[in-house]
Protein backbone atom coordinates (compact mmCIF):
# COMPACT_ATOMS: atom_id res chain seq x y z
CA MET A 1 -63.54 119.40 157.04
CA SER A 2 -62.73 116.23 155.12
CA THR A 3 -61.01 113.31 156.80
CA PHE A 4 -59.66 110.00 155.53
CA ASP A 5 -59.83 106.67 157.27
CA PRO A 6 -56.41 105.12 157.94
CA ALA A 7 -56.72 102.56 155.10
CA THR A 8 -57.49 105.27 152.53
CA LEU A 9 -54.60 107.41 153.74
CA GLU A 10 -52.21 104.43 153.57
CA ALA A 11 -53.37 103.71 149.99
CA LEU A 12 -52.72 107.33 148.95
CA ILE A 13 -49.26 107.26 150.50
CA ALA A 14 -48.48 103.95 148.77
CA GLU A 15 -49.59 105.39 145.42
CA ALA A 16 -47.40 108.47 145.86
CA THR A 17 -44.31 106.49 146.85
CA VAL A 18 -44.64 103.30 144.79
CA ASP A 19 -41.54 103.90 142.63
CA ALA A 20 -39.49 105.75 145.25
CA TYR A 21 -36.05 104.59 146.31
CA GLY A 22 -35.16 106.20 149.62
CA GLU A 23 -36.63 108.95 151.75
CA GLU A 24 -35.84 111.82 149.36
CA GLU A 25 -37.74 110.22 146.50
CA GLN A 26 -40.63 109.37 148.84
CA LEU A 27 -40.87 113.01 149.90
CA THR A 28 -40.74 114.13 146.28
CA GLY A 29 -43.55 111.72 145.43
CA LEU A 30 -45.72 113.00 148.28
CA PHE A 31 -45.11 116.66 147.40
CA THR A 32 -45.82 115.99 143.73
CA MET A 33 -49.12 114.25 144.54
CA ILE A 34 -50.19 117.14 146.79
CA GLU A 35 -49.22 119.74 144.20
CA GLU A 36 -51.11 117.97 141.41
CA ASN A 37 -54.26 117.21 143.42
CA LEU A 38 -54.74 120.00 145.96
CA ALA A 39 -57.92 121.87 145.13
CA VAL A 40 -57.76 125.54 146.13
CA PRO A 41 -59.25 127.76 147.43
CA PHE A 42 -60.40 126.17 150.69
CA ALA A 43 -60.87 127.13 154.32
CA THR A 44 -59.35 125.26 157.25
CA THR A 45 -58.24 125.80 160.82
CA VAL A 46 -54.58 126.09 161.82
CA LEU A 47 -53.73 126.24 165.53
CA GLY A 48 -57.29 127.29 166.30
CA VAL A 49 -57.37 130.11 163.72
CA GLU A 50 -59.57 129.87 160.63
CA VAL A 51 -57.53 130.50 157.46
CA ASN A 52 -58.29 130.62 153.74
CA VAL A 53 -55.82 128.91 151.42
CA THR A 54 -56.01 130.67 148.06
CA SER A 55 -53.04 129.27 146.12
CA ARG A 56 -50.41 126.55 146.20
C-alpha cells in the first residue's frame, strides 16, 4: 500500500484547491484531481476486508 508523508499530502491538496473560493469549489477541485489521476484497477483493504477497485 502506498502512503504519503504529510508534506506531500498537503502539497497535493494545495494544488487541487489553489483557485477554489469556498468549500464547494475546494471539494470539486479534490474530486476532479482524484478522478483525473486515480489509476485503476488496484487492491486495497476497507474495514479489514481486501477489495479490488476496478473502475472509477
